[in-house]
Amino acid sequence: MRYILRLFPEISIKSKPVRNRLIKMVRQNVLNVLQRKGFALTAEALWDKILLNLEGDGPEVKEAVERELCRIPGIHSFVDMVCYGFTGLDDLFLQIKEQCGAMMSNHSFAVRVKRIGVHSFNSQEAERIIGGKLKAAYPNKGVDLSHPEVTVHLTIEQDKVYVTGEPTAGMGGFPVGSQGQVFSLISGGYDSAVSSYYAMRRGCRVNFLFFNMGGTAHELGVKQESFYLWDRYASSHRVRFVTVPFEEIVGQILERVHHGVRGVVLKRMMVRCADGVLKRYHADAMVTGESLAQVSSQTVVNLTHIDHACESLIIRPLVTMDKQEIIDVARKLGTAHFAESMPEYCGVISDHPNVQPSRQFVEEEEAKLDKDLVERALERLKTLDIAALPEDTGRLQSEVEVVSELGLGEVVLDVRAPDEAEAAPLMVADHEVMALPFYKVAALFPTLEQSRKYALYCAQGVMSLMQARQLKELGFHNVRVYRPQTQQ
């Protein structure tokens, strides 16, 4: 089985040294991906294409190979082909007639010839002569140059002719690794997945950086999405998945920072941590899914404040896209279902966000946080090779019981953020209610009386479920989730 791979047009206009480098990278990436998928093959890089030879045949193999070729950045299009040697047009016809005759039988057809080299005929003459011979030799509905049912594609290069099928569109873009190494700030939502894809398509080697603000379930979901993106669109290179614990930072923001700029300060702390990760792993930039004015922290003023918090380049592929556009792309990529099922929560919400705060005010509020918060978070980061994620995410999550009625003597743990709990205090008749914000649960739950039973509560039932699962995995089995009847 053979294929001709055509390169992304922007590669073709580069200088000779750059073009050669990019072609070699596309070739190597194709080998890496297909060999990883179990195919035996060779690939030859030429000036304007790559010739691919694979062992094996049959419709299932063809479908599997073409599915992978559609997902490798740098390939503009590809066609399957059969190569024949020839000495003249009569000999050329004899070589291709059996294959092409079967293609055009009982259909209208046209012959299209692309010719490279010096020959005694031109492309139009070859089309006319070969078309005439095919028309006379096989049953057909005649030649139709405008709207043929079948097109016979011939590429003639010196003394060889390639019979090719219809071109299949590739992913386009530049080969992965050609534009440097980046970290994508991945959250599991629509935006960060789509921005990661666009960075891959543009040739970046995309690692993944996740800020865990409280919950194993969320982290596992993000790992699944990250592996999907890598395995589907960028598996030519091994990359990292880095998790940074962010509960302490979230806690201090909720307790110390003015509610109007909490979102901006949170993003500034994220990019500060990302800046440290980039330096540790010698990466070139970070990628975010921010879109202009999609939320209050993404106004031009607030994005500027976020940029000032780090030294590294921040790439925002989605900055001018609206939400529906992003969702539509996510559906095409196959990542939408991750976002739809992700156990996300809004840990840092401003009830009256400031969309145009002064830089001085933002920095004054941020200064209320501990000076070494970022360093403490980076000391506890965890790194995994992307290929190890399936094994990691395969760990069984503990089942958590969800109840609407409490047992005798059971304590309700209100895990909502302090502002939310103060605005709508929880009162449960005949039961003790204890406030324990979500970002403190893992650290402080072991200090509670373990002979008692605890039911975790939050307004939507998401954060309480995440925290209860985490406690179960830590070995605490005296917990469940309290969801009053009105919430079910």
Protein backbone atom coordinates (compact mmCIF):
# COMPACT_ATOMS: atom_id res chain seq x y z
CA MET A 1 0.00 0.00 0.00
CA ARG A 2 1.45 3.33 -1.11
CA TYR A 3 0.54 6.96 -0.52
CA ILE A 4 1.67 10.37 -1.71
CA LEU A 5 1.60 12.94 1.09
CA ARG A 6 1.37 16.58 0.03
CA LEU A 7 2.74 19.24 2.36
CA PHE A 8 0.96 22.16 3.96
CA PRO A 9 1.25 25.09 1.47
CA GLU A 10 3.03 27.35 3.98
CA ILE A 11 5.85 24.80 4.10
CA SER A 12 6.28 25.00 0.34
CA ILE A 13 6.99 28.75 0.35
CA LYS A 14 9.76 28.58 2.95
CA SER A 15 13.44 28.96 2.11
CA LYS A 16 15.24 25.83 0.98
CA PRO A 17 16.94 25.06 4.34
CA VAL A 18 13.70 25.63 6.32
CA ARG A 19 11.65 23.64 3.83
CA ASN A 20 14.04 20.71 3.99
CA ARG A 21 13.95 20.75 7.77
CA LEU A 22 10.14 20.83 7.89
CA ILE A 23 9.77 18.05 5.30
CA LYS A 24 12.12 15.83 7.30
CA MET A 25 10.11 16.55 10.44
CA VAL A 26 6.81 15.62 8.74
CA ARG A 27 8.40 12.40 7.53
CA GLN A 28 9.71 11.48 10.98
CA ASN A 29 6.41 12.36 12.65
CA VAL A 30 4.53 10.12 10.21
CA LEU A 31 6.90 7.27 11.01
CA ASN A 32 6.55 7.87 14.77
CA VAL A 33 2.75 7.89 14.70
CA LEU A 34 2.18 4.94 12.37
CA GLN A 35 4.86 2.76 13.96
CA ARG A 36 3.36 3.48 17.37
CA LYS A 37 0.03 2.25 15.98
CA GLY A 38 1.67 -0.99 14.86
CA PHE A 39 2.21 -0.39 11.12
CA ALA A 40 5.40 -1.43 9.29
CA LEU A 41 6.38 1.20 6.74
CA THR A 42 9.03 3.28 5.02
CA ALA A 43 8.81 6.94 4.06
CA GLU A 44 10.84 8.86 1.48
CA ALA A 45 10.97 12.65 1.71
CA LEU A 46 11.16 14.43 -1.67
CA TRP A 47 11.16 18.12 -2.53
CA ASP A 48 7.38 18.53 -2.78
CA LYS A 49 5.95 15.36 -1.21
CA ILE A 50 6.53 12.27 0.88
CA LEU A 51 6.19 8.78 -0.56
CA LEU A 52 4.81 6.31 1.94
CA ASN A 53 5.08 2.52 1.57
CA LEU A 54 3.22 0.30 4.04
CA GLU A 55 3.11 -3.43 4.50
CA GLY A 56 -0.34 -4.96 4.51
CA ASP A 57 -3.43 -4.44 2.45
CA GLY A 58 -7.20 -4.60 2.61
CA PRO A 59 -9.99 -2.14 3.44
CA GLU A 60 -9.51 -2.31 7.22
CA VAL A 61 -5.82 -1.50 7.01
CA LYS A 62 -6.50 1.28 4.50
CA GLU A 63 -9.16 2.82 6.74
CA ALA A 64 -6.91 2.68 9.81
CA VAL A 65 -3.93 4.21 8.00
CA GLU A 66 -5.94 7.02 6.45
CA ARG A 67 -7.58 7.81 9.79
CA GLU A 68 -4.13 8.42 11.28
CA LEU A 69 -2.86 10.40 8.29
CA CYS A 70 -5.80 12.80 8.68
CA ARG A 71 -4.56 13.68 12.17
CA ILE A 72 -0.87 14.39 11.60
CA PRO A 73 -0.03 18.12 11.45
CA GLY A 74 1.90 19.21 8.36
CA ILE A 75 0.02 17.06 5.84
CA HIS A 76 -2.16 19.09 3.48
CA SER A 77 -3.62 16.09 1.62
CA PHE A 78 -2.80 12.52 0.66
CA VAL A 79 -3.74 10.02 -2.02
CA ASP A 80 -3.28 6.29 -2.35
CA MET A 81 -1.29 5.29 -5.43
CA VAL A 82 0.08 2.49 -7.59
CA CYS A 83 3.35 3.03 -9.47
CA TYR A 84 4.20 1.63 -12.92
CA GLY A 85 7.22 2.02 -15.21
CA PHE A 86 6.63 2.82 -18.90
CA THR A 87 8.47 3.61 -22.14
CA GLY A 88 5.80 5.53 -24.06
CA LEU A 89 2.08 6.32 -24.04
CA ASP A 90 1.12 2.99 -25.59
CA ASP A 91 3.12 1.15 -22.94
CA LEU A 92 1.72 3.45 -20.25
CA PHE A 93 -1.82 2.48 -21.26
CA LEU A 94 -1.00 -1.22 -21.11
CA GLN A 95 0.40 -0.81 -17.61
CA ILE A 96 -2.58 1.06 -16.13
CA LYS A 97 -5.52 -0.24 -18.14
CA GLU A 98 -6.59 -3.03 -15.80
CA GLN A 99 -6.67 -0.82 -12.72
CA CYS A 100 -8.22 2.23 -14.41
CA GLY A 101 -10.65 0.17 -16.50
CA ALA A 102 -12.16 -1.32 -13.34
CA MET A 103 -12.53 2.19 -11.88
CA MET A 104 -14.40 3.72 -14.85
CA SER A 105 -16.53 0.79 -15.95
CA ASN A 106 -20.13 1.93 -16.67
CA HIS A 107 -19.42 5.48 -15.50
CA SER A 108 -18.74 8.78 -17.21
CA PHE A 109 -15.09 9.64 -16.73
CA ALA A 110 -12.24 12.08 -17.29
CA VAL A 111 -8.47 11.61 -17.30
CA ARG A 112 -6.35 14.21 -15.49
CA VAL A 113 -2.59 14.16 -16.00
CA LYS A 114 0.11 15.95 -14.01
CA ARG A 115 3.49 15.65 -15.74
CA ILE A 116 6.99 16.29 -14.38
CA GLY A 117 10.12 15.90 -16.53
CA VAL A 118 10.92 15.86 -20.24
CA HIS A 119 8.68 13.79 -22.52
CA SER A 120 7.73 13.60 -26.20
CA PHE A 121 4.14 14.56 -25.28
CA ASN A 122 2.45 17.19 -23.12
CA SER A 123 -0.20 16.70 -20.44
CA GLN A 124 -3.14 17.47 -22.72
CA GLU A 125 -1.97 14.96 -25.32
CA ALA A 126 -1.56 12.29 -22.64
CA GLU A 127 -5.07 12.93 -21.34
CA ARG A 128 -6.59 12.73 -24.82
CA ILE A 129 -4.74 9.57 -25.92
CA ILE A 130 -5.13 7.63 -22.64
CA GLY A 131 -8.78 8.70 -22.38
CA GLY A 132 -9.48 7.55 -25.89
CA LYS A 133 -7.89 4.16 -25.35
CA LEU A 134 -9.82 3.62 -22.10
CA LYS A 135 -13.08 4.69 -23.74
CA ALA A 136 -12.58 2.17 -26.53
CA ALA A 137 -11.48 -0.70 -24.30
CA TYR A 138 -14.09 -0.68 -21.49
CA PRO A 139 -17.87 -0.14 -21.23
CA ASN A 140 -18.57 3.40 -20.05
CA LYS A 141 -20.94 6.35 -20.31
CA GLY A 142 -18.44 8.48 -22.20
CA VAL A 143 -16.01 11.27 -21.40
CA ASP A 144 -17.34 14.14 -19.26
CA LEU A 145 -14.73 16.81 -18.60
CA SER A 146 -17.06 19.01 -16.51
CA HIS A 147 -18.79 16.62 -14.10
CA PRO A 148 -17.32 13.11 -14.47
CA GLU A 149 -18.56 10.34 -12.23
CA VAL A 150 -15.01 8.98 -12.06
CA THR A 151 -11.73 10.86 -12.48
CA VAL A 152 -8.58 8.93 -13.42
CA HIS A 153 -5.65 10.77 -11.82
CA LEU A 154 -2.22 10.13 -13.38
CA THR A 155 1.04 11.66 -12.20
CA ILE A 156 3.87 11.14 -14.70
CA GLU A 157 7.43 11.63 -13.50
CA GLN A 158 10.13 10.80 -16.03
CA ASP A 159 9.65 7.06 -16.78
CA LYS A 160 7.16 6.36 -13.98
CA VAL A 161 3.41 6.86 -13.79
CA TYR A 162 1.46 6.98 -10.54
CA VAL A 163 -2.24 6.11 -10.59
CA THR A 164 -3.81 7.91 -7.65
CA GLY A 165 -7.22 8.03 -6.02
CA GLU A 166 -9.16 11.12 -4.98
CA PRO A 167 -7.18 13.37 -2.60
CA THR A 168 -8.15 13.24 1.07
CA ALA A 169 -7.75 16.42 3.10
CA GLY A 170 -5.21 16.29 5.91
CA MET A 171 -4.95 18.32 9.11
CA GLY A 172 -2.70 21.00 7.59
CA GLY A 173 -0.46 23.13 9.74
CA PHE A 174 3.18 22.61 10.65
CA PRO A 175 4.76 19.40 11.95
CA VAL A 176 4.66 18.95 15.72
CA GLY A 177 7.93 20.09 17.26
CA SER A 178 8.76 22.64 14.58
CA GLN A 179 7.54 25.64 16.59
CA GLY A 180 8.98 24.83 20.00
CA GLN A 181 7.71 23.36 23.25
CA VAL A 182 4.76 24.85 25.15
CA PHE A 183 2.55 24.07 28.13
CA SER A 184 -1.21 24.25 27.67
CA LEU A 185 -3.16 25.30 30.76
CA ILE A 186 -5.78 22.55 30.53
CA SER A 187 -8.99 22.66 32.57
CA GLY A 188 -11.21 20.04 30.95
CA GLY A 189 -13.60 22.58 29.42
CA TYR A 190 -14.28 23.41 25.79
CA ASP A 191 -11.79 26.28 25.53
CA SER A 192 -8.55 24.73 26.75
CA ALA A 193 -9.01 21.60 24.63
CA VAL A 194 -9.59 23.61 21.44
CA SER A 195 -6.67 25.96 22.17
CA SER A 196 -4.43 22.92 22.75
CA TYR A 197 -5.47 21.50 19.38
CA TYR A 198 -4.72 24.75 17.55
CA ALA A 199 -1.27 24.90 19.16
CA MET A 200 -0.59 21.31 18.06
CA ARG A 201 -1.78 22.06 14.53
CA ARG A 202 0.53 25.04 14.34
CA GLY A 203 3.54 22.85 15.14
CA CYS A 204 3.93 23.22 18.91
CA ARG A 205 4.97 20.34 21.10
CA VAL A 206 2.16 20.67 23.64
CA ASN A 207 2.61 19.56 27.25
CA PHE A 208 -0.32 19.83 29.66
CA LEU A 209 -0.48 21.80 32.91
CA PHE A 210 -3.40 21.31 35.28
CA PHE A 211 -4.14 23.35 38.41
CA ASN A 212 -5.99 21.12 40.85
CA MET A 213 -8.27 23.30 42.95
CA GLY A 214 -9.78 20.47 44.91
CA GLY A 215 -10.83 17.07 43.65
CA THR A 216 -9.48 13.82 42.27
CA ALA A 217 -12.48 13.37 39.94
CA HIS A 218 -11.71 16.61 38.12
CA GLU A 219 -8.04 15.73 37.75
CA LEU A 220 -8.82 12.30 36.34
CA GLY A 221 -11.26 13.79 33.83
CA VAL A 222 -8.68 16.32 32.65
CA LYS A 223 -6.07 13.57 32.29
CA GLN A 224 -8.46 11.58 30.09
CA GLU A 225 -9.07 14.59 27.86
CA SER A 226 -5.35 15.41 27.64
CA PHE A 227 -4.47 11.86 26.65
CA TYR A 228 -7.21 11.89 24.01
CA LEU A 229 -5.84 15.08 22.45
CA TRP A 230 -2.27 13.81 22.45
CA ASP A 231 -3.09 10.33 21.20
CA ARG A 232 -5.31 11.65 18.42
CA TYR A 233 -3.38 14.68 17.15
CA ALA A 234 0.19 14.79 18.46
CA SER A 235 1.44 11.34 19.42
CA SER A 236 4.60 11.75 17.33
CA HIS A 237 6.25 13.27 20.43
CA ARG A 238 6.23 12.28 24.09
CA VAL A 239 5.13 15.10 26.39
CA ARG A 240 4.40 15.70 30.08
CA PHE A 241 1.27 16.09 32.15
CA VAL A 242 1.98 18.31 35.16
CA THR A 243 -0.40 18.75 38.11
CA VAL A 244 0.03 21.69 40.47
CA PRO A 245 -1.95 21.62 43.77
CA PHE A 246 -3.88 24.87 43.95
CA GLU A 247 -6.15 24.47 46.98
CA GLU A 248 -4.00 26.64 49.25
CA ILE A 249 -3.81 29.44 46.70
CA VAL A 250 -7.58 29.34 46.13
CA GLY A 251 -8.14 29.42 49.88
CA GLN A 252 -6.02 32.52 50.43
CA ILE A 253 -7.67 34.30 47.48
CA LEU A 254 -11.14 33.60 48.92
CA GLU A 255 -10.12 34.70 52.40
CA ARG A 256 -7.96 37.74 51.65
CA VAL A 257 -8.61 39.22 48.17
CA HIS A 258 -11.37 41.71 47.32
CA HIS A 259 -14.21 39.87 45.56
CA GLY A 260 -14.10 42.21 42.55
CA VAL A 261 -10.66 41.01 41.41
CA ARG A 262 -10.51 37.43 42.64
CA GLY A 263 -10.77 35.99 39.13
CA VAL A 264 -7.93 38.18 37.84
CA VAL A 265 -5.70 37.39 40.82
CA LEU A 266 -6.39 33.67 40.36
CA LYS A 267 -5.32 33.86 36.70
CA ARG A 268 -2.22 35.85 37.67
CA MET A 269 -1.24 33.17 40.17
CA MET A 270 -1.80 30.51 37.53
CA VAL A 271 0.51 32.17 35.02
CA ARG A 272 3.10 32.76 37.75
CA CYS A 273 3.10 29.03 38.46
CA ALA A 274 3.11 28.25 34.75
CA ASP A 275 6.09 30.54 34.33
CA GLY A 276 7.97 28.47 36.91
CA VAL A 277 7.01 25.22 35.17
CA LEU A 278 8.18 26.58 31.82
CA LYS A 279 11.56 27.49 33.26
CA ARG A 280 11.92 24.12 34.96
CA TYR A 281 11.31 22.21 31.72
CA HIS A 282 12.87 24.75 29.32
CA ALA A 283 9.62 25.39 27.46
CA ASP A 284 9.06 28.42 25.24
CA ALA A 285 5.51 29.61 25.98
CA MET A 286 2.19 28.81 27.64
CA VAL A 287 -1.13 28.36 25.84
CA THR A 288 -4.48 29.37 27.33
CA GLY A 289 -8.08 29.11 26.16
CA GLU A 290 -8.95 32.71 26.96
CA SER A 291 -11.31 34.52 24.60
CA LEU A 292 -11.71 38.27 24.65
CA ALA A 293 -14.50 39.38 27.02
CA GLN A 294 -15.96 35.87 27.31
CA VAL A 295 -15.86 36.31 31.10
CA SER A 296 -15.01 39.23 33.36
CA SER A 297 -11.36 38.26 33.77
CA GLN A 298 -10.87 38.31 29.99
CA THR A 299 -11.48 41.96 29.19
CA VAL A 300 -8.57 43.72 27.49
CA VAL A 301 -7.67 45.45 30.78
CA ASN A 302 -7.71 42.24 32.82
CA LEU A 303 -5.84 40.24 30.18
CA THR A 304 -3.17 42.92 30.32
CA HIS A 305 -2.96 42.56 34.11
CA ILE A 306 -2.58 38.79 33.66
CA ASP A 307 0.20 39.25 31.10
CA HIS A 308 2.16 41.45 33.51
CA ALA A 309 2.29 38.64 36.10
CA CYS A 310 4.85 36.56 34.19
CA GLU A 311 7.85 36.85 31.89
CA SER A 312 6.88 34.10 29.47
CA LEU A 313 4.92 34.44 26.25
CA ILE A 314 1.19 33.69 26.60
CA ILE A 315 -0.38 32.32 23.39
CA ARG A 316 -4.18 32.69 23.11
CA PRO A 317 -5.37 30.89 19.96
CA LEU A 318 -9.05 31.58 20.71
CA VAL A 319 -8.78 35.23 21.64
CA THR A 320 -11.27 36.49 18.98
CA MET A 321 -13.58 33.46 18.83
CA ASP A 322 -17.01 33.39 20.44
CA LYS A 323 -18.24 30.55 22.63
CA GLN A 324 -20.42 28.84 20.03
CA GLU A 325 -17.55 28.77 17.54
CA ILE A 326 -15.37 27.12 20.16
CA ILE A 327 -18.04 24.54 21.03
CA ASP A 328 -18.52 23.72 17.33
CA VAL A 329 -14.79 23.06 16.95
CA ALA A 330 -14.77 20.93 20.11
CA ARG A 331 -17.53 18.76 18.66
CA LYS A 332 -15.53 18.22 15.46
CA LEU A 333 -12.43 17.34 17.48
CA GLY A 334 -14.30 14.89 19.69
CA THR A 335 -13.57 16.71 22.96
CA ALA A 336 -17.04 18.16 23.61
CA HIS A 337 -18.21 15.15 25.61
CA PHE A 338 -15.32 15.63 28.02
CA ALA A 339 -16.40 19.21 28.72
CA GLU A 340 -20.04 18.21 29.04
CA SER A 341 -19.32 15.51 31.61
CA MET A 342 -16.46 17.21 33.46
CA PRO A 343 -17.14 17.72 37.19
CA GLU A 344 -16.16 21.38 37.06
CA TYR A 345 -16.91 23.95 39.70
CA CYS A 346 -16.42 27.67 40.18
CA GLY A 347 -14.18 27.92 43.19
CA VAL A 348 -13.34 31.60 42.81
CA ILE A 349 -16.35 33.69 41.80
CA SER A 350 -16.72 37.45 42.03
CA ASP A 351 -20.33 38.46 42.65
CA HIS A 352 -19.58 41.96 41.32
CA PRO A 353 -16.43 41.55 39.19
CA ASN A 354 -14.39 44.59 38.28
CA VAL A 355 -13.86 44.50 34.50
CA GLN A 356 -11.49 47.48 34.47
CA PRO A 357 -9.53 47.50 37.73
CA SER A 358 -6.39 49.53 37.96
CA ARG A 359 -3.11 47.67 37.94
CA GLN A 360 -2.25 49.21 41.30
CA PHE A 361 -5.44 47.85 42.90
CA VAL A 362 -4.89 44.34 41.50
CA GLU A 363 -1.29 44.28 42.72
CA GLU A 364 -2.29 45.61 46.16
CA GLU A 365 -4.87 42.83 46.55
CA GLU A 366 -2.44 40.20 45.32
CA ALA A 367 0.13 41.42 47.83
CA LYS A 368 -2.17 40.19 50.62
CA LEU A 369 -1.25 36.60 49.69
CA ASP A 370 1.76 34.84 51.18
CA LYS A 371 4.91 35.74 49.27
CA ASP A 372 6.02 32.15 48.83
CA LEU A 373 2.65 30.69 47.72
CA VAL A 374 3.86 29.95 44.18
CA GLU A 375 7.07 28.36 45.40
CA ARG A 376 5.16 26.13 47.83
CA ALA A 377 2.80 25.00 45.07
CA LEU A 378 5.67 24.25 42.67
CA GLU A 379 7.45 22.20 45.32
CA ARG A 380 4.45 19.82 45.37
CA LEU A 381 3.80 19.51 41.63
CA LYS A 382 3.57 16.04 40.09
CA THR A 383 4.74 15.09 36.60
CA LEU A 384 3.67 12.12 34.49
CA ASP A 385 4.71 10.96 31.05
CA ILE A 386 1.67 11.37 28.80
CA ALA A 387 1.81 7.69 27.83
CA ALA A 388 1.30 6.71 31.48
CA LEU A 389 -2.03 8.50 31.81
CA PRO A 390 -4.30 5.56 30.85
CA GLU A 391 -2.87 3.47 33.68
CA ASP A 392 -3.14 6.42 36.06
CA THR A 393 -6.73 7.29 35.13
CA GLY A 394 -7.66 3.64 35.28
CA ARG A 395 -7.51 3.72 39.04
CA LEU A 396 -10.96 2.99 40.40
CA GLN A 397 -12.67 5.88 42.12
CA SER A 398 -14.38 5.08 45.37
CA GLU A 399 -18.14 5.03 45.22
CA VAL A 400 -19.80 7.68 47.39
CA GLU A 401 -23.29 7.38 48.80
CA VAL A 402 -25.60 10.34 48.13
CA VAL A 403 -28.46 10.82 50.61
CA SER A 404 -31.33 13.23 51.12
CA GLU A 405 -31.91 12.26 54.75
CA LEU A 406 -29.32 12.23 57.51
CA GLY A 407 -28.63 9.60 60.11
CA LEU A 408 -28.79 10.10 63.85
CA GLY A 409 -25.84 12.17 65.08
CA GLU A 410 -24.45 12.71 61.57
CA VAL A 411 -22.51 15.97 61.10
CA VAL A 412 -23.03 18.10 57.99
CA LEU A 413 -19.82 19.52 56.53
CA ASP A 414 -20.58 22.66 54.51
CA VAL A 415 -17.76 22.72 51.94
CA ARG A 416 -18.88 25.89 50.17
CA ALA A 417 -16.60 28.91 49.88
CA PRO A 418 -16.88 31.21 52.95
CA ASP A 419 -18.66 34.02 51.09
CA GLU A 420 -21.24 31.64 49.70
CA ALA A 421 -21.83 30.02 53.09
CA GLU A 422 -22.21 33.40 54.81
CA ALA A 423 -24.65 34.66 52.16
CA ALA A 424 -26.92 31.61 52.57
CA PRO A 425 -26.23 29.89 55.90
CA LEU A 426 -27.14 26.20 56.04
CA MET A 427 -29.48 25.16 58.84
CA VAL A 428 -30.34 21.47 59.32
CA ALA A 429 -32.71 20.62 62.15
CA ASP A 430 -31.30 18.31 64.83
CA HIS A 431 -27.88 18.12 63.17
CA GLU A 432 -24.62 19.92 63.71
CA VAL A 433 -23.42 21.94 60.69
CA MET A 434 -19.68 22.53 60.45
CA ALA A 435 -18.15 24.93 57.92
CA LEU A 436 -15.11 23.42 56.21
CA PRO A 437 -14.30 25.14 52.87
CA PHE A 438 -13.48 22.73 50.04
CA TYR A 439 -9.86 23.86 49.83
CA LYS A 440 -9.28 22.81 53.46
CA VAL A 441 -11.11 19.46 53.45
CA ALA A 442 -8.14 17.21 52.61
CA ALA A 443 -5.88 18.93 55.15
CA LEU A 444 -8.29 19.31 58.08
CA PHE A 445 -10.63 16.31 57.84
CA PRO A 446 -8.07 13.98 59.51
CA THR A 447 -8.20 16.25 62.60
CA LEU A 448 -11.95 15.69 63.08
CA GLU A 449 -13.40 13.05 65.40
CA GLN A 450 -13.28 9.94 63.23
CA SER A 451 -15.80 7.99 65.28
CA ARG A 452 -18.55 10.22 63.88
CA LYS A 453 -20.13 10.18 60.41
CA TYR A 454 -19.98 13.19 58.10
CA ALA A 455 -22.20 14.27 55.20
CA LEU A 456 -20.62 16.80 52.82
CA TYR A 457 -22.82 19.56 51.40
CA CYS A 458 -22.57 22.19 48.65
CA ALA A 459 -25.18 24.06 46.64
CA GLN A 460 -24.85 22.11 43.37
CA GLY A 461 -23.69 18.79 44.78
CA VAL A 462 -20.58 18.76 42.60
CA MET A 463 -17.88 20.00 44.94
CA SER A 464 -19.20 17.90 47.83
CA LEU A 465 -19.08 14.76 45.66
CA MET A 466 -15.53 15.51 44.50
CA GLN A 467 -14.31 16.08 48.06
CA ALA A 468 -16.08 12.97 49.38
CA ARG A 469 -14.46 10.84 46.66
CA GLN A 470 -11.08 12.26 47.53
CA LEU A 471 -11.57 11.46 51.23
CA LYS A 472 -12.63 7.91 50.33
CA GLU A 473 -9.45 7.46 48.30
CA LEU A 474 -7.44 8.76 51.27
CA GLY A 475 -8.89 5.97 53.37
CA PHE A 476 -11.78 7.74 55.16
CA HIS A 477 -15.00 5.72 54.91
CA ASN A 478 -17.16 7.72 57.31
CA VAL A 479 -18.26 10.20 54.64
CA ARG A 480 -21.11 10.57 52.19
CA VAL A 481 -22.82 13.40 50.31
CA TYR A 482 -25.85 15.27 51.63
CA ARG A 483 -28.18 16.49 48.91
CA PRO A 484 -31.52 17.73 50.28
CA GLN A 485 -34.66 16.67 48.43
CA THR A 486 -35.06 20.05 46.73
CA GLN A 487 -31.63 19.58 45.00
CA GLN A 488 -32.37 16.22 43.43
